[in-house]
Amino acid sequence: MGWDDIDLVLGPAVTGLSYIGLCKLVDDRFEVEVDALWHAMFPNIDRDLPDGTTQENLWSPQFKRWRNAWCDVHTVWTHINSGRDIFVTLNTSDFQRHAKQLGPHGLKRVMTPQEAVQQVLS
């Protein structure tokens, strides 16, 4: 499709989660930006790790909602921080539902992979 020149989008370096060379170091603005995105998308979920969370139980069903929120926020931060135009995801409903709140933070458009391919090819 001629996309060989597209840069790899690097997420924030997270100790114990990221691979060197596939992430980037963040500056002091990161926490402020992530906090703003978190409150825009998940105002009813506390951003702090839930009480009782350990390395062993973080992946248990009881913390699924928090994990999903964390992943969504960090993924959209990565997209916005990289200056991209179209956020491509199969989870369009969550991001489109919050598009009005995320727009001021830099989210421009949300599309499924199929919609993005149609957009690029048209």
PDB file of N, CA and C in Angstrom:
ATOM      1  N   MET A   1       0.818  -1.197   0.000  1.00  0.00           N
ATOM      2  CA  MET A   1       0.000   0.000   0.000  1.00  0.00           C
ATOM      3  C   MET A   1       0.857   1.255   0.000  1.00  0.00           C
ATOM      4  N   GLY A   2       2.165   1.107   0.026  1.00  0.00           N
ATOM      5  CA  GLY A   2       3.024   2.278   0.018  1.00  0.00           C
ATOM      6  C   GLY A   2       3.166   2.946   1.372  1.00  0.00           C
ATOM      7  N   TRP A   3       2.983   2.177   2.437  1.00  0.00           N
ATOM      8  CA  TRP A   3       3.053   2.743   3.779  1.00  0.00           C
ATOM      9  C   TRP A   3       4.402   2.469   4.445  1.00  0.00           C
ATOM     10  N   ASP A   4       5.391   2.061   3.670  1.00  0.00           N
ATOM     11  CA  ASP A   4       6.691   1.704   4.250  1.00  0.00           C
ATOM     12  C   ASP A   4       7.372   2.866   4.954  1.00  0.00           C
ATOM     13  N   ASP A   5       7.001   4.093   4.612  1.00  0.00           N
ATOM     14  CA  ASP A   5       7.661   5.255   5.205  1.00  0.00           C
ATOM     15  C   ASP A   5       6.957   5.777   6.456  1.00  0.00           C
ATOM     16  N   ILE A   6       5.894   5.093   6.905  1.00  0.00           N
ATOM     17  CA  ILE A   6       5.199   5.531   8.118  1.00  0.00           C
ATOM     18  C   ILE A   6       6.058   5.202   9.337  1.00  0.00           C
ATOM     19  N   ASP A   7       6.235   6.202  10.187  1.00  0.00           N
ATOM     20  CA  ASP A   7       7.037   6.025  11.395  1.00  0.00           C
ATOM     21  C   ASP A   7       6.311   5.139  12.399  1.00  0.00           C
ATOM     22  N   LEU A   8       7.090   4.400  13.166  1.00  0.00           N
ATOM     23  CA  LEU A   8       6.552   3.628  14.276  1.00  0.00           C
ATOM     24  C   LEU A   8       6.126   4.611  15.372  1.00  0.00           C
ATOM     25  N   VAL A   9       4.933   4.447  15.897  1.00  0.00           N
ATOM     26  CA  VAL A   9       4.434   5.323  16.955  1.00  0.00           C
ATOM     27  C   VAL A   9       4.874   4.730  18.290  1.00  0.00           C
ATOM     28  N   LEU A  10       5.654   5.494  19.025  1.00  0.00           N
ATOM     29  CA  LEU A  10       6.214   5.012  20.291  1.00  0.00           C
ATOM     30  C   LEU A  10       5.408   5.519  21.472  1.00  0.00           C
ATOM     31  N   GLY A  11       5.029   4.602  22.340  1.00  0.00           N
ATOM     32  CA  GLY A  11       4.321   4.951  23.555  1.00  0.00           C
ATOM     33  C   GLY A  11       5.287   5.349  24.648  1.00  0.00           C
ATOM     34  N   PRO A  12       4.752   5.750  25.787  1.00  0.00           N
ATOM     35  CA  PRO A  12       5.606   6.174  26.893  1.00  0.00           C
ATOM     36  C   PRO A  12       6.334   4.981  27.512  1.00  0.00           C
ATOM     37  N   ALA A  13       7.539   5.228  27.972  1.00  0.00           N
ATOM     38  CA  ALA A  13       8.308   4.192  28.662  1.00  0.00           C
ATOM     39  C   ALA A  13       7.668   3.937  30.025  1.00  0.00           C
ATOM     40  N   VAL A  14       7.278   2.691  30.256  1.00  0.00           N
ATOM     41  CA  VAL A  14       6.663   2.299  31.523  1.00  0.00           C
ATOM     42  C   VAL A  14       7.511   1.158  32.090  1.00  0.00           C
ATOM     43  N   THR A  15       8.081   1.373  33.259  1.00  0.00           N
ATOM     44  CA  THR A  15       8.939   0.370  33.887  1.00  0.00           C
ATOM     45  C   THR A  15       8.204  -0.955  34.024  1.00  0.00           C
ATOM     46  N   GLY A  16       8.856  -2.020  33.570  1.00  0.00           N
ATOM     47  CA  GLY A  16       8.291  -3.348  33.683  1.00  0.00           C
ATOM     48  C   GLY A  16       7.285  -3.694  32.606  1.00  0.00           C
ATOM     49  N   LEU A  17       7.037  -2.765  31.688  1.00  0.00           N
ATOM     50  CA  LEU A  17       6.040  -3.004  30.654  1.00  0.00           C
ATOM     51  C   LEU A  17       6.579  -2.734  29.251  1.00  0.00           C
ATOM     52  N   SER A  18       7.426  -1.726  29.118  1.00  0.00           N
ATOM     53  CA  SER A  18       7.910  -1.296  27.808  1.00  0.00           C
ATOM     54  C   SER A  18       9.215  -1.986  27.415  1.00  0.00           C
ATOM     55  N   TYR A  19       9.436  -2.049  26.112  1.00  0.00           N
ATOM     56  CA  TYR A  19      10.685  -2.574  25.570  1.00  0.00           C
ATOM     57  C   TYR A  19      11.547  -1.410  25.110  1.00  0.00           C
ATOM     58  N   ILE A  20      12.829  -1.445  25.475  1.00  0.00           N
ATOM     59  CA  ILE A  20      13.763  -0.404  25.049  1.00  0.00           C
ATOM     60  C   ILE A  20      13.785  -0.394  23.526  1.00  0.00           C
ATOM     61  N   GLY A  21      13.706   0.787  22.953  1.00  0.00           N
ATOM     62  CA  GLY A  21      13.681   0.943  21.512  1.00  0.00           C
ATOM     63  C   GLY A  21      12.268   0.968  20.941  1.00  0.00           C
ATOM     64  N   LEU A  22      11.286   0.559  21.745  1.00  0.00           N
ATOM     65  CA  LEU A  22       9.893   0.584  21.293  1.00  0.00           C
ATOM     66  C   LEU A  22       9.048   1.500  22.171  1.00  0.00           C
ATOM     67  N   CYS A  23       9.725   2.435  22.836  1.00  0.00           N
ATOM     68  CA  CYS A  23       9.035   3.399  23.691  1.00  0.00           C
ATOM     69  C   CYS A  23       9.870   4.669  23.729  1.00  0.00           C
ATOM     70  N   LYS A  24       9.319   5.699  24.331  1.00  0.00           N
ATOM     71  CA  LYS A  24      10.083   6.938  24.456  1.00  0.00           C
ATOM     72  C   LYS A  24       9.971   7.466  25.876  1.00  0.00           C
ATOM     73  N   LEU A  25      11.028   8.142  26.288  1.00  0.00           N
ATOM     74  CA  LEU A  25      11.017   8.774  27.599  1.00  0.00           C
ATOM     75  C   LEU A  25      10.079   9.967  27.550  1.00  0.00           C
ATOM     76  N   VAL A  26       9.418  10.231  28.640  1.00  0.00           N
ATOM     77  CA  VAL A  26       8.460  11.327  28.700  1.00  0.00           C
ATOM     78  C   VAL A  26       8.996  12.438  29.586  1.00  0.00           C
ATOM     79  N   ASP A  27       8.425  13.621  29.428  1.00  0.00           N
ATOM     80  CA  ASP A  27       8.849  14.746  30.255  1.00  0.00           C
ATOM     81  C   ASP A  27       7.794  15.039  31.327  1.00  0.00           C
ATOM     82  N   ASP A  28       7.951  16.138  32.000  1.00  0.00           N
ATOM     83  CA  ASP A  28       7.061  16.485  33.113  1.00  0.00           C
ATOM     84  C   ASP A  28       5.609  16.698  32.684  1.00  0.00           C
ATOM     85  N   ARG A  29       5.375  17.024  31.428  1.00  0.00           N
ATOM     86  CA  ARG A  29       4.009  17.255  30.944  1.00  0.00           C
ATOM     87  C   ARG A  29       3.205  15.964  30.859  1.00  0.00           C
ATOM     88  N   PHE A  30       3.886  14.832  30.772  1.00  0.00           N
ATOM     89  CA  PHE A  30       3.210  13.556  30.575  1.00  0.00           C
ATOM     90  C   PHE A  30       2.121  13.313  31.622  1.00  0.00           C
ATOM     91  N   GLU A  31       2.444  13.446  32.889  1.00  0.00           N
ATOM     92  CA  GLU A  31       1.468  13.178  33.956  1.00  0.00           C
ATOM     93  C   GLU A  31       0.267  14.109  33.856  1.00  0.00           C
ATOM     94  N   VAL A  32       0.513  15.366  33.548  1.00  0.00           N
ATOM     95  CA  VAL A  32      -0.579  16.335  33.410  1.00  0.00           C
ATOM     96  C   VAL A  32      -1.462  15.974  32.226  1.00  0.00           C
ATOM     97  N   GLU A  33      -0.834  15.620  31.103  1.00  0.00           N
ATOM     98  CA  GLU A  33      -1.582  15.265  29.895  1.00  0.00           C
ATOM     99  C   GLU A  33      -2.391  13.987  30.098  1.00  0.00           C
ATOM    100  N   VAL A  34      -1.781  12.979  30.695  1.00  0.00           N
ATOM    101  CA  VAL A  34      -2.485  11.719  30.931  1.00  0.00           C
ATOM    102  C   VAL A  34      -3.626  11.934  31.916  1.00  0.00           C
ATOM    103  N   ASP A  35      -3.400  12.737  32.919  1.00  0.00           N
ATOM    104  CA  ASP A  35      -4.461  13.023  33.880  1.00  0.00           C
ATOM    105  C   ASP A  35      -5.654  13.695  33.192  1.00  0.00           C
ATOM    106  N   ALA A  36      -5.392  14.634  32.314  1.00  0.00           N
ATOM    107  CA  ALA A  36      -6.468  15.323  31.592  1.00  0.00           C
ATOM    108  C   ALA A  36      -7.221  14.348  30.683  1.00  0.00           C
ATOM    109  N   LEU A  37      -6.505  13.476  29.995  1.00  0.00           N
ATOM    110  CA  LEU A  37      -7.152  12.486  29.133  1.00  0.00           C
ATOM    111  C   LEU A  37      -7.977  11.507  29.964  1.00  0.00           C
ATOM    112  N   TRP A  38      -7.420  11.083  31.084  1.00  0.00           N
ATOM    113  CA  TRP A  38      -8.122  10.138  31.963  1.00  0.00           C
ATOM    114  C   TRP A  38      -9.459  10.742  32.417  1.00  0.00           C
ATOM    115  N   HIS A  39      -9.420  11.991  32.860  1.00  0.00           N
ATOM    116  CA  HIS A  39     -10.644  12.630  33.350  1.00  0.00           C
ATOM    117  C   HIS A  39     -11.634  12.903  32.225  1.00  0.00           C
ATOM    118  N   ALA A  40     -11.139  13.103  31.014  1.00  0.00           N
ATOM    119  CA  ALA A  40     -12.024  13.303  29.864  1.00  0.00           C
ATOM    120  C   ALA A  40     -12.747  12.008  29.498  1.00  0.00           C
ATOM    121  N   MET A  41     -12.050  10.887  29.615  1.00  0.00           N
ATOM    122  CA  MET A  41     -12.628   9.609  29.190  1.00  0.00           C
ATOM    123  C   MET A  41     -13.262   8.820  30.329  1.00  0.00           C
ATOM    124  N   PHE A  42     -12.659   8.872  31.496  1.00  0.00           N
ATOM    125  CA  PHE A  42     -13.087   8.006  32.598  1.00  0.00           C
ATOM    126  C   PHE A  42     -13.217   8.790  33.904  1.00  0.00           C
ATOM    127  N   PRO A  43     -14.092   9.767  33.942  1.00  0.00           N
ATOM    128  CA  PRO A  43     -14.210  10.584  35.160  1.00  0.00           C
ATOM    129  C   PRO A  43     -14.684   9.784  36.371  1.00  0.00           C
ATOM    130  N   ASN A  44     -15.276   8.625  36.144  1.00  0.00           N
ATOM    131  CA  ASN A  44     -15.791   7.826  37.259  1.00  0.00           C
ATOM    132  C   ASN A  44     -14.874   6.688  37.677  1.00  0.00           C
ATOM    133  N   ILE A  45     -13.674   6.633  37.092  1.00  0.00           N
ATOM    134  CA  ILE A  45     -12.694   5.605  37.472  1.00  0.00           C
ATOM    135  C   ILE A  45     -11.475   6.314  38.033  1.00  0.00           C
ATOM    136  N   ASP A  46     -11.102   5.979  39.247  1.00  0.00           N
ATOM    137  CA  ASP A  46      -9.929   6.580  39.889  1.00  0.00           C
ATOM    138  C   ASP A  46      -8.685   6.218  39.092  1.00  0.00           C
ATOM    139  N   ARG A  47      -7.850   7.200  38.813  1.00  0.00           N
ATOM    140  CA  ARG A  47      -6.636   6.957  38.023  1.00  0.00           C
ATOM    141  C   ARG A  47      -5.594   6.153  38.802  1.00  0.00           C
ATOM    142  N   ASP A  48      -5.588   6.271  40.103  1.00  0.00           N
ATOM    143  CA  ASP A  48      -4.620   5.529  40.909  1.00  0.00           C
ATOM    144  C   ASP A  48      -4.940   4.045  40.854  1.00  0.00           C
ATOM    145  N   LEU A  49      -3.911   3.224  40.986  1.00  0.00           N
ATOM    146  CA  LEU A  49      -4.131   1.785  41.049  1.00  0.00           C
ATOM    147  C   LEU A  49      -5.104   1.472  42.171  1.00  0.00           C
ATOM    148  N   PRO A  50      -6.054   0.591  41.918  1.00  0.00           N
ATOM    149  CA  PRO A  50      -7.003   0.244  42.981  1.00  0.00           C
ATOM    150  C   PRO A  50      -6.292  -0.355  44.193  1.00  0.00           C
ATOM    151  N   ASP A  51      -6.838  -0.113  45.369  1.00  0.00           N
ATOM    152  CA  ASP A  51      -6.292  -0.697  46.591  1.00  0.00           C
ATOM    153  C   ASP A  51      -6.229  -2.213  46.444  1.00  0.00           C
ATOM    154  N   GLY A  52      -5.181  -2.784  46.955  1.00  0.00           N
ATOM    155  CA  GLY A  52      -5.031  -4.235  46.916  1.00  0.00           C
ATOM    156  C   GLY A  52      -4.420  -4.765  45.628  1.00  0.00           C
ATOM    157  N   THR A  53      -4.060  -3.868  44.714  1.00  0.00           N
ATOM    158  CA  THR A  53      -3.470  -4.316  43.455  1.00  0.00           C
ATOM    159  C   THR A  53      -2.024  -4.724  43.677  1.00  0.00           C
ATOM    160  N   THR A  54      -1.679  -5.883  43.174  1.00  0.00           N
ATOM    161  CA  THR A  54      -0.298  -6.363  43.205  1.00  0.00           C
ATOM    162  C   THR A  54       0.105  -6.732  41.787  1.00  0.00           C
ATOM    163  N   GLN A  55       1.378  -6.963  41.584  1.00  0.00           N
ATOM    164  CA  GLN A  55       1.874  -7.404  40.279  1.00  0.00           C
ATOM    165  C   GLN A  55       1.183  -8.698  39.854  1.00  0.00           C
ATOM    166  N   GLU A  56       0.866  -9.531  40.810  1.00  0.00           N
ATOM    167  CA  GLU A  56       0.259 -10.832  40.517  1.00  0.00           C
ATOM    168  C   GLU A  56      -1.222 -10.728  40.153  1.00  0.00           C
ATOM    169  N   ASN A  57      -1.960  -9.819  40.817  1.00  0.00           N
ATOM    170  CA  ASN A  57      -3.403  -9.800  40.574  1.00  0.00           C
ATOM    171  C   ASN A  57      -3.872  -8.689  39.633  1.00  0.00           C
ATOM    172  N   LEU A  58      -2.960  -7.863  39.145  1.00  0.00           N
ATOM    173  CA  LEU A  58      -3.348  -6.777  38.246  1.00  0.00           C
ATOM    174  C   LEU A  58      -4.095  -7.290  37.020  1.00  0.00           C
ATOM    175  N   TRP A  59      -3.789  -8.506  36.581  1.00  0.00           N
ATOM    176  CA  TRP A  59      -4.402  -9.062  35.373  1.00  0.00           C
ATOM    177  C   TRP A  59      -5.653  -9.878  35.688  1.00  0.00           C
ATOM    178  N   SER A  60      -6.119  -9.851  36.934  1.00  0.00           N
ATOM    179  CA  SER A  60      -7.329 -10.595  37.299  1.00  0.00           C
ATOM    180  C   SER A  60      -8.572  -9.861  36.790  1.00  0.00           C
ATOM    181  N   PRO A  61      -9.679 -10.576  36.649  1.00  0.00           N
ATOM    182  CA  PRO A  61     -10.919  -9.962  36.169  1.00  0.00           C
ATOM    183  C   PRO A  61     -11.379  -8.775  37.024  1.00  0.00           C
ATOM    184  N   GLN A  62     -11.060  -8.771  38.297  1.00  0.00           N
ATOM    185  CA  GLN A  62     -11.520  -7.701  39.176  1.00  0.00           C
ATOM    186  C   GLN A  62     -10.950  -6.336  38.774  1.00  0.00           C
ATOM    187  N   PHE A  63      -9.803  -6.295  38.105  1.00  0.00           N
ATOM    188  CA  PHE A  63      -9.190  -5.027  37.717  1.00  0.00           C
ATOM    189  C   PHE A  63      -9.309  -4.749  36.220  1.00  0.00           C
ATOM    190  N   LYS A  64     -10.165  -5.501  35.527  1.00  0.00           N
ATOM    191  CA  LYS A  64     -10.302  -5.362  34.072  1.00  0.00           C
ATOM    192  C   LYS A  64     -10.718  -3.944  33.664  1.00  0.00           C
ATOM    193  N   ARG A  65     -11.689  -3.382  34.334  1.00  0.00           N
ATOM    194  CA  ARG A  65     -12.174  -2.047  33.970  1.00  0.00           C
ATOM    195  C   ARG A  65     -11.062  -1.003  34.103  1.00  0.00           C
ATOM    196  N   TRP A  66     -10.304  -1.076  35.196  1.00  0.00           N
ATOM    197  CA  TRP A  66      -9.208  -0.131  35.406  1.00  0.00           C
ATOM    198  C   TRP A  66      -8.125  -0.329  34.342  1.00  0.00           C
ATOM    199  N   ARG A  67      -7.770  -1.598  34.067  1.00  0.00           N
ATOM    200  CA  ARG A  67      -6.748  -1.885  33.052  1.00  0.00           C
ATOM    201  C   ARG A  67      -7.162  -1.348  31.689  1.00  0.00           C
ATOM    202  N   ASN A  68      -8.412  -1.561  31.311  1.00  0.00           N
ATOM    203  CA  ASN A  68      -8.882  -1.076  30.019  1.00  0.00           C
ATOM    204  C   ASN A  68      -8.808   0.443  29.938  1.00  0.00           C
ATOM    205  N   ALA A  69      -9.174   1.114  31.024  1.00  0.00           N
ATOM    206  CA  ALA A  69      -9.085   2.577  31.055  1.00  0.00           C
ATOM    207  C   ALA A  69      -7.631   3.010  30.897  1.00  0.00           C
ATOM    208  N   TRP A  70      -6.738   2.368  31.633  1.00  0.00           N
ATOM    209  CA  TRP A  70      -5.312   2.706  31.561  1.00  0.00           C
ATOM    210  C   TRP A  70      -4.800   2.537  30.133  1.00  0.00           C
ATOM    211  N   CYS A  71      -5.133   1.432  29.517  1.00  0.00           N
ATOM    212  CA  CYS A  71      -4.667   1.161  28.146  1.00  0.00           C
ATOM    213  C   CYS A  71      -5.239   2.166  27.154  1.00  0.00           C
ATOM    214  N   ASP A  72      -6.530   2.474  27.261  1.00  0.00           N
ATOM    215  CA  ASP A  72      -7.147   3.441  26.349  1.00  0.00           C
ATOM    216  C   ASP A  72      -6.494   4.813  26.475  1.00  0.00           C
ATOM    217  N   VAL A  73      -6.276   5.267  27.681  1.00  0.00           N
ATOM    218  CA  VAL A  73      -5.688   6.583  27.905  1.00  0.00           C
ATOM    219  C   VAL A  73      -4.258   6.631  27.371  1.00  0.00           C
ATOM    220  N   HIS A  74      -3.460   5.626  27.656  1.00  0.00           N
ATOM    221  CA  HIS A  74      -2.076   5.646  27.183  1.00  0.00           C
ATOM    222  C   HIS A  74      -1.989   5.495  25.665  1.00  0.00           C
ATOM    223  N   THR A  75      -2.923   4.761  25.091  1.00  0.00           N
ATOM    224  CA  THR A  75      -2.936   4.605  23.636  1.00  0.00           C
ATOM    225  C   THR A  75      -3.312   5.914  22.962  1.00  0.00           C
ATOM    226  N   VAL A  76      -4.330   6.594  23.461  1.00  0.00           N
ATOM    227  CA  VAL A  76      -4.724   7.859  22.838  1.00  0.00           C
ATOM    228  C   VAL A  76      -3.670   8.933  23.108  1.00  0.00           C
ATOM    229  N   TRP A  77      -3.008   8.898  24.272  1.00  0.00           N
ATOM    230  CA  TRP A  77      -1.908   9.836  24.525  1.00  0.00           C
ATOM    231  C   TRP A  77      -0.814   9.635  23.485  1.00  0.00           C
ATOM    232  N   THR A  78      -0.468   8.386  23.216  1.00  0.00           N
ATOM    233  CA  THR A  78       0.578   8.079  22.241  1.00  0.00           C
ATOM    234  C   THR A  78       0.208   8.635  20.871  1.00  0.00           C
ATOM    235  N   HIS A  79      -1.025   8.439  20.468  1.00  0.00           N
ATOM    236  CA  HIS A  79      -1.502   8.939  19.176  1.00  0.00           C
ATOM    237  C   HIS A  79      -1.410  10.465  19.118  1.00  0.00           C
ATOM    238  N   ILE A  80      -1.954  11.127  20.121  1.00  0.00           N
ATOM    239  CA  ILE A  80      -1.963  12.591  20.139  1.00  0.00           C
ATOM    240  C   ILE A  80      -0.544  13.130  20.210  1.00  0.00           C
ATOM    241  N   ASN A  81       0.271  12.562  21.087  1.00  0.00           N
ATOM    242  CA  ASN A  81       1.647  13.027  21.280  1.00  0.00           C
ATOM    243  C   ASN A  81       2.487  12.846  20.019  1.00  0.00           C
ATOM    244  N   SER A  82       2.116  11.897  19.188  1.00  0.00           N
ATOM    245  CA  SER A  82       2.848  11.647  17.944  1.00  0.00           C
ATOM    246  C   SER A  82       2.354  12.528  16.800  1.00  0.00           C
ATOM    247  N   GLY A  83       1.331  13.334  17.051  1.00  0.00           N
ATOM    248  CA  GLY A  83       0.836  14.263  16.050  1.00  0.00           C
ATOM    249  C   GLY A  83       0.102  13.599  14.891  1.00  0.00           C
ATOM    250  N   ARG A  84      -0.556  12.496  15.159  1.00  0.00           N
ATOM    251  CA  ARG A  84      -1.277  11.765  14.108  1.00  0.00           C
ATOM    252  C   ARG A  84      -2.650  12.375  13.852  1.00  0.00           C
ATOM    253  N   ASP A  85      -3.177  12.094  12.663  1.00  0.00           N
ATOM    254  CA  ASP A  85      -4.471  12.650  12.257  1.00  0.00           C
ATOM    255  C   ASP A  85      -5.639  11.716  12.536  1.00  0.00           C
ATOM    256  N   ILE A  86      -5.485  10.438  12.211  1.00  0.00           N
ATOM    257  CA  ILE A  86      -6.586   9.483  12.347  1.00  0.00           C
ATOM    258  C   ILE A  86      -6.203   8.423  13.366  1.00  0.00           C
ATOM    259  N   PHE A  87      -6.985   8.325  14.427  1.00  0.00           N
ATOM    260  CA  PHE A  87      -6.778   7.297  15.442  1.00  0.00           C
ATOM    261  C   PHE A  87      -7.526   6.062  14.972  1.00  0.00           C
ATOM    262  N   VAL A  88      -6.784   5.005  14.664  1.00  0.00           N
ATOM    263  CA  VAL A  88      -7.374   3.793  14.102  1.00  0.00           C
ATOM    264  C   VAL A  88      -7.503   2.750  15.211  1.00  0.00           C
ATOM    265  N   THR A  89      -8.730   2.271  15.408  1.00  0.00           N
ATOM    266  CA  THR A  89      -9.004   1.307  16.469  1.00  0.00           C
ATOM    267  C   THR A  89     -10.271   0.526  16.155  1.00  0.00           C
ATOM    268  N   LEU A  90     -10.325  -0.681  16.651  1.00  0.00           N
ATOM    269  CA  LEU A  90     -11.569  -1.448  16.570  1.00  0.00           C
ATOM    270  C   LEU A  90     -12.553  -0.989  17.643  1.00  0.00           C
ATOM    271  N   ASN A  91     -12.049  -0.271  18.637  1.00  0.00           N
ATOM    272  CA  ASN A  91     -12.845   0.213  19.762  1.00  0.00           C
ATOM    273  C   ASN A  91     -13.317   1.645  19.495  1.00  0.00           C
ATOM    274  N   THR A  92     -13.927   1.865  18.346  1.00  0.00           N
ATOM    275  CA  THR A  92     -14.321   3.231  17.998  1.00  0.00           C
ATOM    276  C   THR A  92     -15.379   3.799  18.933  1.00  0.00           C
ATOM    277  N   SER A  93     -16.253   2.950  19.466  1.00  0.00           N
ATOM    278  CA  SER A  93     -17.359   3.476  20.283  1.00  0.00           C
ATOM    279  C   SER A  93     -16.851   4.234  21.513  1.00  0.00           C
ATOM    280  N   ASP A  94     -15.860   3.702  22.219  1.00  0.00           N
ATOM    281  CA  ASP A  94     -15.342   4.397  23.401  1.00  0.00           C
ATOM    282  C   ASP A  94     -14.705   5.731  23.038  1.00  0.00           C
ATOM    283  N   PHE A  95     -13.932   5.743  21.962  1.00  0.00           N
ATOM    284  CA  PHE A  95     -13.222   6.966  21.608  1.00  0.00           C
ATOM    285  C   PHE A  95     -14.139   7.975  20.936  1.00  0.00           C
ATOM    286  N   GLN A  96     -15.065   7.532  20.113  1.00  0.00           N
ATOM    287  CA  GLN A  96     -16.008   8.457  19.488  1.00  0.00           C
ATOM    288  C   GLN A  96     -16.963   9.038  20.526  1.00  0.00           C
ATOM    289  N   ARG A  97     -17.336   8.239  21.521  1.00  0.00           N
ATOM    290  CA  ARG A  97     -18.218   8.720  22.581  1.00  0.00           C
ATOM    291  C   ARG A  97     -17.580   9.884  23.345  1.00  0.00           C
ATOM    292  N   HIS A  98     -16.268   9.889  23.430  1.00  0.00           N
ATOM    293  CA  HIS A  98     -15.556  10.932  24.169  1.00  0.00           C
ATOM    294  C   HIS A  98     -14.856  11.928  23.245  1.00  0.00           C
ATOM    295  N   ALA A  99     -15.195  11.910  21.962  1.00  0.00           N
ATOM    296  CA  ALA A  99     -14.506  12.756  20.979  1.00  0.00           C
ATOM    297  C   ALA A  99     -14.582  14.237  21.339  1.00  0.00           C
ATOM    298  N   LYS A 100     -15.726  14.681  21.824  1.00  0.00           N
ATOM    299  CA  LYS A 100     -15.884  16.099  22.174  1.00  0.00           C
ATOM    300  C   LYS A 100     -14.933  16.492  23.311  1.00  0.00           C
ATOM    301  N   GLN A 101     -14.795  15.604  24.296  1.00  0.00           N
ATOM    302  CA  GLN A 101     -13.896  15.886  25.423  1.00  0.00           C
ATOM    303  C   GLN A 101     -12.424  15.732  25.021  1.00  0.00           C
ATOM    304  N   LEU A 102     -12.141  14.847  24.057  1.00  0.00           N
ATOM    305  CA  LEU A 102     -10.755  14.590  23.658  1.00  0.00           C
ATOM    306  C   LEU A 102     -10.256  15.558  22.590  1.00  0.00           C
ATOM    307  N   GLY A 103     -11.163  16.178  21.860  1.00  0.00           N
ATOM    308  CA  GLY A 103     -10.774  17.116  20.804  1.00  0.00           C
ATOM    309  C   GLY A 103      -9.841  18.220  21.283  1.00  0.00           C
ATOM    310  N   PRO A 104     -10.154  18.893  22.387  1.00  0.00           N
ATOM    311  CA  PRO A 104      -9.257  19.953  22.860  1.00  0.00           C
ATOM    312  C   PRO A 104      -7.854  19.451  23.243  1.00  0.00           C
ATOM    313  N   HIS A 105      -7.725  18.155  23.459  1.00  0.00           N
ATOM    314  CA  HIS A 105      -6.423  17.584  23.810  1.00  0.00           C
ATOM    315  C   HIS A 105      -5.648  17.124  22.573  1.00  0.00           C
ATOM    316  N   GLY A 106      -6.288  17.199  21.397  1.00  0.00           N
ATOM    317  CA  GLY A 106      -5.571  16.888  20.160  1.00  0.00           C
ATOM    318  C   GLY A 106      -6.101  15.717  19.351  1.00  0.00           C
ATOM    319  N   LEU A 107      -7.148  15.046  19.822  1.00  0.00           N
ATOM    320  CA  LEU A 107      -7.707  13.938  19.037  1.00  0.00           C
ATOM    321  C   LEU A 107      -8.537  14.523  17.901  1.00  0.00           C
ATOM    322  N   LYS A 108      -8.169  14.155  16.664  1.00  0.00           N
ATOM    323  CA  LYS A 108      -8.838  14.734  15.498  1.00  0.00           C
ATOM    324  C   LYS A 108      -9.947  13.844  14.962  1.00  0.00           C
ATOM    325  N   ARG A 109      -9.620  12.597  14.638  1.00  0.00           N
ATOM    326  CA  ARG A 109     -10.607  11.695  14.044  1.00  0.00           C
ATOM    327  C   ARG A 109     -10.377  10.287  14.559  1.00  0.00           C
ATOM    328  N   VAL A 110     -11.464   9.514  14.649  1.00  0.00           N
ATOM    329  CA  VAL A 110     -11.405   8.116  15.084  1.00  0.00           C
ATOM    330  C   VAL A 110     -12.063   7.277  13.999  1.00  0.00           C
ATOM    331  N   MET A 111     -11.364   6.212  13.565  1.00  0.00           N
ATOM    332  CA  MET A 111     -11.903   5.339  12.522  1.00  0.00           C
ATOM    333  C   MET A 111     -11.528   3.892  12.805  1.00  0.00           C
ATOM    334  N   THR A 112     -12.338   2.992  12.268  1.00  0.00           N
ATOM    335  CA  THR A 112     -11.977   1.575  12.279  1.00  0.00           C
ATOM    336  C   THR A 112     -10.886   1.372  11.234  1.00  0.00           C
ATOM    337  N   PRO A 113     -10.177   0.241  11.277  1.00  0.00           N
ATOM    338  CA  PRO A 113      -9.180  -0.021  10.230  1.00  0.00           C
ATOM    339  C   PRO A 113      -9.789   0.033   8.823  1.00  0.00           C
ATOM    340  N   GLN A 114     -10.991  -0.508   8.673  1.00  0.00           N
ATOM    341  CA  GLN A 114     -11.640  -0.508   7.360  1.00  0.00           C
ATOM    342  C   GLN A 114     -11.939   0.921   6.895  1.00  0.00           C
ATOM    343  N   GLU A 115     -12.438   1.752   7.799  1.00  0.00           N
ATOM    344  CA  GLU A 115     -12.727   3.134   7.450  1.00  0.00           C
ATOM    345  C   GLU A 115     -11.450   3.890   7.085  1.00  0.00           C
ATOM    346  N   ALA A 116     -10.376   3.631   7.815  1.00  0.00           N
ATOM    347  CA  ALA A 116      -9.108   4.307   7.536  1.00  0.00           C
ATOM    348  C   ALA A 116      -8.559   3.914   6.171  1.00  0.00           C
ATOM    349  N   VAL A 117      -8.641   2.636   5.835  1.00  0.00           N
ATOM    350  CA  VAL A 117      -8.166   2.189   4.520  1.00  0.00           C
ATOM    351  C   VAL A 117      -9.004   2.848   3.428  1.00  0.00           C
ATOM    352  N   GLN A 118     -10.319   2.889   3.592  1.00  0.00           N
ATOM    353  CA  GLN A 118     -11.181   3.544   2.602  1.00  0.00           C
ATOM    354  C   GLN A 118     -10.816   5.031   2.464  1.00  0.00           C
ATOM    355  N   GLN A 119     -10.527   5.674   3.597  1.00  0.00           N
ATOM    356  CA  GLN A 119     -10.156   7.088   3.590  1.00  0.00           C
ATOM    357  C   GLN A 119      -8.855   7.299   2.809  1.00  0.00           C
ATOM    358  N   VAL A 120      -7.883   6.453   3.056  1.00  0.00           N
ATOM    359  CA  VAL A 120      -6.587   6.585   2.406  1.00  0.00           C
ATOM    360  C   VAL A 120      -6.684   6.287   0.910  1.00  0.00           C
ATOM    361  N   LEU A 121      -7.494   5.306   0.542  1.00  0.00           N
ATOM    362  CA  LEU A 121      -7.587   4.904  -0.858  1.00  0.00           C
ATOM    363  C   LEU A 121      -8.500   5.800  -1.684  1.00  0.00           C
ATOM    364  N   SER A 122      -9.301   6.633  -1.023  1.00  0.00           N
ATOM    365  CA  SER A 122     -10.224   7.477  -1.796  1.00  0.00           C
ATOM    366  C   SER A 122      -9.603   8.803  -2.171  1.00  0.00           C
TER     367      SER A 122
END
